[in-house]
Amino acid sequence: MGTDVTLRLTVLGGLGPGRAAGAEARWLAGLAGRRARLEVDLIDLAAACLPEPCPGVLPGNAPEPPAVRELRPWLDAADGFVVVAPAATRQYPAEQHSAGPLQRALVWCAEAFKARPVALHVRAGEETARALRTLRADLAEAHALTVHETDCPDHALDELIWWARALRTARARTPYPF
């Protein structure tokens, strides 16, 4: 697969009113959208209203909720993802019993993330390093590849696009078996 093939990137961020990450998600989607041979979707996972997975029941063994059926094709079409998150994110806080929107997507739509690259954009703050570690661990468990670059959005997009092309070619030749 050459570089002349159009890639689809999906930017995942909180876009609703009062969510600080929304402006950054829109800005990153615009930055990516100015690149050649790149289509960009912008999705607010919180607005997707994915339900909590049932404890002890794997999503493949549970009826698929309508919200999952609506979101899945968008995620499946992506060659790569950009996740925009606030710095203070604790995706699986021990004191809480509910998963955040990204974790619900990783559970319900796990296949969409397997063998796909993810760039992380976390708002600066004192919790940035911890948020990045948490997100990287969650995505690694989902068999996604996180790109190394997080400081420069342009470089992160360059790395994401490189990995998206390479992994799309690899998935086309040999489906991801794990």
C-alpha atoms as a PDB file:
ATOM      1  CA  MET A   1       0.000   0.000   0.000  1.00  0.00           C
ATOM      2  CA  GLY A   2       1.474   3.305  -1.034  1.00  0.00           C
ATOM      3  CA  THR A   3       1.171   6.742   0.451  1.00  0.00           C
ATOM      4  CA  ASP A   4      -1.390   7.673  -2.206  1.00  0.00           C
ATOM      5  CA  VAL A   5      -4.154   5.755  -0.397  1.00  0.00           C
ATOM      6  CA  THR A   6      -6.457   7.869   1.767  1.00  0.00           C
ATOM      7  CA  LEU A   7      -6.388   7.106   5.475  1.00  0.00           C
ATOM      8  CA  ARG A   8      -9.221   7.696   7.928  1.00  0.00           C
ATOM      9  CA  LEU A   9      -8.346   9.058  11.364  1.00  0.00           C
ATOM     10  CA  THR A  10     -10.846   9.397  14.174  1.00  0.00           C
ATOM     11  CA  VAL A  11     -10.374  12.028  16.871  1.00  0.00           C
ATOM     12  CA  LEU A  12     -12.032  10.974  20.135  1.00  0.00           C
ATOM     13  CA  GLY A  13     -12.676  13.765  22.610  1.00  0.00           C
ATOM     14  CA  GLY A  14     -15.262  15.346  24.869  1.00  0.00           C
ATOM     15  CA  LEU A  15     -16.992  17.846  22.621  1.00  0.00           C
ATOM     16  CA  GLY A  16     -20.002  18.808  24.728  1.00  0.00           C
ATOM     17  CA  PRO A  17     -20.591  22.193  26.351  1.00  0.00           C
ATOM     18  CA  GLY A  18     -18.358  22.830  29.313  1.00  0.00           C
ATOM     19  CA  ARG A  19     -15.828  20.168  28.360  1.00  0.00           C
ATOM     20  CA  ALA A  20     -12.366  21.699  28.087  1.00  0.00           C
ATOM     21  CA  ALA A  21     -11.060  18.986  25.758  1.00  0.00           C
ATOM     22  CA  GLY A  22     -13.632  19.865  23.076  1.00  0.00           C
ATOM     23  CA  ALA A  23     -11.782  22.859  21.661  1.00  0.00           C
ATOM     24  CA  GLU A  24      -8.552  20.872  21.549  1.00  0.00           C
ATOM     25  CA  ALA A  25     -10.252  17.931  19.842  1.00  0.00           C
ATOM     26  CA  ARG A  26     -11.720  20.237  17.183  1.00  0.00           C
ATOM     27  CA  TRP A  27      -8.341  21.959  16.726  1.00  0.00           C
ATOM     28  CA  LEU A  28      -6.537  18.608  16.310  1.00  0.00           C
ATOM     29  CA  ALA A  29      -9.190  17.385  13.864  1.00  0.00           C
ATOM     30  CA  GLY A  30      -8.674  20.574  11.849  1.00  0.00           C
ATOM     31  CA  LEU A  31      -4.899  20.164  11.951  1.00  0.00           C
ATOM     32  CA  ALA A  32      -5.193  16.578  10.708  1.00  0.00           C
ATOM     33  CA  GLY A  33      -7.814  17.523   8.126  1.00  0.00           C
ATOM     34  CA  ARG A  34      -5.387  19.872   6.361  1.00  0.00           C
ATOM     35  CA  ARG A  35      -3.146  16.953   5.432  1.00  0.00           C
ATOM     36  CA  ALA A  36      -3.330  15.312   2.030  1.00  0.00           C
ATOM     37  CA  ARG A  37      -5.031  11.932   1.665  1.00  0.00           C
ATOM     38  CA  LEU A  38      -6.455  12.021   5.155  1.00  0.00           C
ATOM     39  CA  GLU A  39     -10.119  11.935   6.138  1.00  0.00           C
ATOM     40  CA  VAL A  40     -10.965  12.858   9.711  1.00  0.00           C
ATOM     41  CA  ASP A  41     -13.961  12.008  11.882  1.00  0.00           C
ATOM     42  CA  LEU A  42     -14.591  13.713  15.215  1.00  0.00           C
ATOM     43  CA  ILE A  43     -16.475  11.657  17.807  1.00  0.00           C
ATOM     44  CA  ASP A  44     -17.595  12.528  21.325  1.00  0.00           C
ATOM     45  CA  LEU A  45     -17.585   9.185  23.121  1.00  0.00           C
ATOM     46  CA  ALA A  46     -19.484  10.637  26.081  1.00  0.00           C
ATOM     47  CA  ALA A  47     -22.315  11.665  23.744  1.00  0.00           C
ATOM     48  CA  ALA A  48     -22.354   8.158  22.257  1.00  0.00           C
ATOM     49  CA  CYS A  49     -23.918   7.017  25.555  1.00  0.00           C
ATOM     50  CA  LEU A  50     -22.297   3.595  25.580  1.00  0.00           C
ATOM     51  CA  PRO A  51     -23.651   1.588  28.500  1.00  0.00           C
ATOM     52  CA  GLU A  52     -21.567   0.172  31.300  1.00  0.00           C
ATOM     53  CA  PRO A  53     -20.468  -3.373  30.472  1.00  0.00           C
ATOM     54  CA  CYS A  54     -22.176  -5.935  32.691  1.00  0.00           C
ATOM     55  CA  PRO A  55     -19.783  -7.158  35.399  1.00  0.00           C
ATOM     56  CA  GLY A  56     -18.617 -10.689  34.686  1.00  0.00           C
ATOM     57  CA  VAL A  57     -20.225 -10.772  31.230  1.00  0.00           C
ATOM     58  CA  LEU A  58     -18.047 -10.345  28.162  1.00  0.00           C
ATOM     59  CA  PRO A  59     -19.596  -7.958  25.609  1.00  0.00           C
ATOM     60  CA  GLY A  60     -19.525 -10.709  22.959  1.00  0.00           C
ATOM     61  CA  ASN A  61     -21.820 -12.742  25.212  1.00  0.00           C
ATOM     62  CA  ALA A  62     -24.270  -9.905  25.891  1.00  0.00           C
ATOM     63  CA  PRO A  63     -26.851  -8.392  23.550  1.00  0.00           C
ATOM     64  CA  GLU A  64     -25.339  -5.479  21.643  1.00  0.00           C
ATOM     65  CA  PRO A  65     -26.968  -2.199  22.717  1.00  0.00           C
ATOM     66  CA  PRO A  66     -28.168   0.218  19.993  1.00  0.00           C
ATOM     67  CA  ALA A  67     -25.531   2.808  20.984  1.00  0.00           C
ATOM     68  CA  VAL A  68     -22.790   0.250  20.304  1.00  0.00           C
ATOM     69  CA  ARG A  69     -24.314  -0.711  16.927  1.00  0.00           C
ATOM     70  CA  GLU A  70     -24.354   2.984  15.951  1.00  0.00           C
ATOM     71  CA  LEU A  71     -20.780   3.717  17.045  1.00  0.00           C
ATOM     72  CA  ARG A  72     -19.032   0.526  15.913  1.00  0.00           C
ATOM     73  CA  PRO A  73     -18.966   1.281  12.127  1.00  0.00           C
ATOM     74  CA  TRP A  74     -17.320   4.654  12.770  1.00  0.00           C
ATOM     75  CA  LEU A  75     -14.595   3.124  14.906  1.00  0.00           C
ATOM     76  CA  ASP A  76     -14.138   0.112  12.603  1.00  0.00           C
ATOM     77  CA  ALA A  77     -13.548   2.462   9.642  1.00  0.00           C
ATOM     78  CA  ALA A  78     -10.659   4.240  11.367  1.00  0.00           C
ATOM     79  CA  ASP A  79      -7.063   3.482  10.425  1.00  0.00           C
ATOM     80  CA  GLY A  80      -5.886   5.307  13.546  1.00  0.00           C
ATOM     81  CA  PHE A  81      -7.137   7.358  16.472  1.00  0.00           C
ATOM     82  CA  VAL A  82      -6.285  10.532  18.348  1.00  0.00           C
ATOM     83  CA  VAL A  83      -7.512  10.470  21.950  1.00  0.00           C
ATOM     84  CA  VAL A  84      -7.939  13.876  23.585  1.00  0.00           C
ATOM     85  CA  ALA A  85      -8.267  13.718  27.367  1.00  0.00           C
ATOM     86  CA  PRO A  86      -8.049  16.090  30.319  1.00  0.00           C
ATOM     87  CA  ALA A  87      -4.883  15.808  32.403  1.00  0.00           C
ATOM     88  CA  ALA A  88      -6.739  14.766  35.526  1.00  0.00           C
ATOM     89  CA  THR A  89      -8.206  11.677  33.914  1.00  0.00           C
ATOM     90  CA  ARG A  90      -8.167   8.493  35.931  1.00  0.00           C
ATOM     91  CA  GLN A  91      -9.704   6.081  33.526  1.00  0.00           C
ATOM     92  CA  TYR A  92     -10.298   3.321  36.089  1.00  0.00           C
ATOM     93  CA  PRO A  93     -10.363   5.059  39.463  1.00  0.00           C
ATOM     94  CA  ALA A  94     -10.242   2.419  42.197  1.00  0.00           C
ATOM     95  CA  GLU A  95     -12.845   4.264  44.227  1.00  0.00           C
ATOM     96  CA  GLN A  96     -15.337   4.359  41.358  1.00  0.00           C
ATOM     97  CA  HIS A  97     -17.249   1.476  39.887  1.00  0.00           C
ATOM     98  CA  SER A  98     -17.938   2.979  36.478  1.00  0.00           C
ATOM     99  CA  ALA A  99     -15.672   3.148  33.461  1.00  0.00           C
ATOM    100  CA  GLY A 100     -15.260   6.316  31.435  1.00  0.00           C
ATOM    101  CA  PRO A 101     -16.421   6.709  27.830  1.00  0.00           C
ATOM    102  CA  LEU A 102     -13.089   5.569  26.347  1.00  0.00           C
ATOM    103  CA  GLN A 103     -13.023   2.436  28.500  1.00  0.00           C
ATOM    104  CA  ARG A 104     -16.595   1.587  27.524  1.00  0.00           C
ATOM    105  CA  ALA A 105     -15.592   1.954  23.858  1.00  0.00           C
ATOM    106  CA  LEU A 106     -12.514  -0.223  24.429  1.00  0.00           C
ATOM    107  CA  VAL A 107     -14.728  -2.937  25.913  1.00  0.00           C
ATOM    108  CA  TRP A 108     -17.740  -2.786  23.584  1.00  0.00           C
ATOM    109  CA  CYS A 109     -15.791  -2.069  20.371  1.00  0.00           C
ATOM    110  CA  ALA A 110     -12.513  -3.824  21.179  1.00  0.00           C
ATOM    111  CA  GLU A 111     -11.913  -5.108  17.642  1.00  0.00           C
ATOM    112  CA  ALA A 112     -11.852  -1.545  16.273  1.00  0.00           C
ATOM    113  CA  PHE A 113      -8.739  -0.729  18.315  1.00  0.00           C
ATOM    114  CA  LYS A 114      -6.738  -3.911  17.720  1.00  0.00           C
ATOM    115  CA  ALA A 115      -3.563  -3.367  15.680  1.00  0.00           C
ATOM    116  CA  ARG A 116      -4.364   0.315  15.195  1.00  0.00           C
ATOM    117  CA  PRO A 117      -2.236   3.275  16.261  1.00  0.00           C
ATOM    118  CA  VAL A 118      -3.408   5.836  18.789  1.00  0.00           C
ATOM    119  CA  ALA A 119      -1.925   9.279  19.408  1.00  0.00           C
ATOM    120  CA  LEU A 120      -2.577  10.711  22.860  1.00  0.00           C
ATOM    121  CA  HIS A 121      -3.195  14.372  23.539  1.00  0.00           C
ATOM    122  CA  VAL A 122      -3.554  15.102  27.227  1.00  0.00           C
ATOM    123  CA  ARG A 123      -4.114  18.629  28.467  1.00  0.00           C
ATOM    124  CA  ALA A 124      -1.101  19.913  30.359  1.00  0.00           C
ATOM    125  CA  GLY A 125      -1.249  19.732  34.109  1.00  0.00           C
ATOM    126  CA  GLU A 126       0.346  18.107  37.100  1.00  0.00           C
ATOM    127  CA  GLU A 127      -1.460  14.825  36.390  1.00  0.00           C
ATOM    128  CA  THR A 128      -0.340  14.593  32.741  1.00  0.00           C
ATOM    129  CA  ALA A 129       2.264  11.842  33.240  1.00  0.00           C
ATOM    130  CA  ARG A 130      -0.125   9.696  35.266  1.00  0.00           C
ATOM    131  CA  ALA A 131      -2.919  10.217  32.728  1.00  0.00           C
ATOM    132  CA  LEU A 132      -0.602   9.169  29.886  1.00  0.00           C
ATOM    133  CA  ARG A 133       0.515   6.038  31.763  1.00  0.00           C
ATOM    134  CA  THR A 134      -3.093   5.074  32.455  1.00  0.00           C
ATOM    135  CA  LEU A 135      -4.197   5.651  28.865  1.00  0.00           C
ATOM    136  CA  ARG A 136      -1.193   3.770  27.442  1.00  0.00           C
ATOM    137  CA  ALA A 137      -1.905   0.785  29.704  1.00  0.00           C
ATOM    138  CA  ASP A 138      -5.599   0.726  28.774  1.00  0.00           C
ATOM    139  CA  LEU A 139      -4.800   0.912  25.064  1.00  0.00           C
ATOM    140  CA  ALA A 140      -2.049  -1.728  25.278  1.00  0.00           C
ATOM    141  CA  GLU A 141      -4.540  -4.080  26.898  1.00  0.00           C
ATOM    142  CA  ALA A 142      -6.813  -3.442  23.899  1.00  0.00           C
ATOM    143  CA  HIS A 143      -3.908  -4.372  21.539  1.00  0.00           C
ATOM    144  CA  ALA A 144      -3.653  -0.811  20.217  1.00  0.00           C
ATOM    145  CA  LEU A 145      -0.270   0.790  19.546  1.00  0.00           C
ATOM    146  CA  THR A 146       0.287   4.184  21.149  1.00  0.00           C
ATOM    147  CA  VAL A 147       2.624   6.536  19.333  1.00  0.00           C
ATOM    148  CA  HIS A 148       5.586   7.819  21.292  1.00  0.00           C
ATOM    149  CA  GLU A 149       5.268  11.526  20.479  1.00  0.00           C
ATOM    150  CA  THR A 150       2.973  13.510  22.773  1.00  0.00           C
ATOM    151  CA  ASP A 151       4.608  16.936  23.003  1.00  0.00           C
ATOM    152  CA  CYS A 152       4.207  18.205  19.439  1.00  0.00           C
ATOM    153  CA  PRO A 153       0.839  17.608  17.740  1.00  0.00           C
ATOM    154  CA  ASP A 154       2.335  17.863  14.228  1.00  0.00           C
ATOM    155  CA  HIS A 155       4.974  15.241  15.001  1.00  0.00           C
ATOM    156  CA  ALA A 156       2.413  13.038  16.751  1.00  0.00           C
ATOM    157  CA  LEU A 157       0.233  13.160  13.624  1.00  0.00           C
ATOM    158  CA  ASP A 158       3.245  12.337  11.427  1.00  0.00           C
ATOM    159  CA  GLU A 159       4.023   9.293  13.572  1.00  0.00           C
ATOM    160  CA  LEU A 160       0.350   8.286  13.753  1.00  0.00           C
ATOM    161  CA  ILE A 161      -0.004   8.463   9.964  1.00  0.00           C
ATOM    162  CA  TRP A 162       3.150   6.393   9.439  1.00  0.00           C
ATOM    163  CA  TRP A 163       1.891   3.697  11.812  1.00  0.00           C
ATOM    164  CA  ALA A 164      -1.632   3.836  10.374  1.00  0.00           C
ATOM    165  CA  ARG A 165      -0.304   3.116   6.873  1.00  0.00           C
ATOM    166  CA  ALA A 166       2.043   0.366   8.072  1.00  0.00           C
ATOM    167  CA  LEU A 167      -0.566  -1.364  10.224  1.00  0.00           C
ATOM    168  CA  ARG A 168      -3.294  -1.079   7.586  1.00  0.00           C
ATOM    169  CA  THR A 169      -0.955  -2.794   5.115  1.00  0.00           C
ATOM    170  CA  ALA A 170      -0.098  -5.471   7.688  1.00  0.00           C
ATOM    171  CA  ARG A 171      -3.774  -6.114   8.540  1.00  0.00           C
ATOM    172  CA  ALA A 172      -4.597  -6.424   4.836  1.00  0.00           C
ATOM    173  CA  ARG A 173      -1.840  -9.016   4.332  1.00  0.00           C
ATOM    174  CA  THR A 174      -2.375 -10.947   7.548  1.00  0.00           C
ATOM    175  CA  PRO A 175      -5.406 -10.306   9.759  1.00  0.00           C
ATOM    176  CA  TYR A 176      -4.464  -9.597  13.370  1.00  0.00           C
ATOM    177  CA  PRO A 177      -4.907 -12.976  15.107  1.00  0.00           C
ATOM    178  CA  PHE A 178      -4.912 -12.008  18.790  1.00  0.00           C
END
